[in-house]
Amino acid sequence: MNTKNNNIALILLLLVSILALVGSVSLYAGLIVKTKQVRKEIQQKESQTQTIQSQNIKIEETRKIIRSAERSKLDIQNTTVTPESLINLLDSIEKLSDTVGIPVVVGSVSSYTDKDTKETILKIAIQTTGPFAKVYQTLAILENFPQALVTKKAGMVQHEKDNLWDGNFSFEITQTQ
């Protein structure tokens, strides 16, 4: 009977071992499946991250292009004048009197068509009278105006009887429609 009990115990032990082995294999198989799923999710997330990074780079490049285009647009706006903005430009020139403390007068405005570019060019003649430093300051301010005034002629002549100077300046700027 002892042998029978030993055999039963051995069979039970063997069954428990087989069940434990089957359970371990099942758990191991489950872990492998879960690990594959997690790896697949990680690969998807990495792919999504790379796509997002690529999109961010493209967005940043687009922003740079837009900023560059805006700067180019401003450059064009600053080198040209429209009929509407001409009045503001002439008004700004005459308001220099308040800044420099001597009269600044727009003497004439005329236009011609450039033979090569077919653009309309405005010629603006400006006169001022005052001490040399003030007349020169007026010229310096005009040359650094936000609009790209091209200096064509700048003349300063001293009066014979007093210490005043006449400034006669000629500028050009391209007109757009």
Foldseek 3Di string as FASTA:
>chain_A
DVVVVVVVVVVVVVVVVVVVVVVVVVVVVVVVVVVVVVVVVVVVVVVVVVVVVVVVVVVVVVVVVVVVVVVVVLLVPQQEAEPVCVVVVQVVLQCCCVVLVWGKHFPDWDWDADPPPRFIKIKTKIKIKAAPVSLVVSVVCVCVDSRNWAWDDWDWDADPPDRMIMIITMTMGTYDD
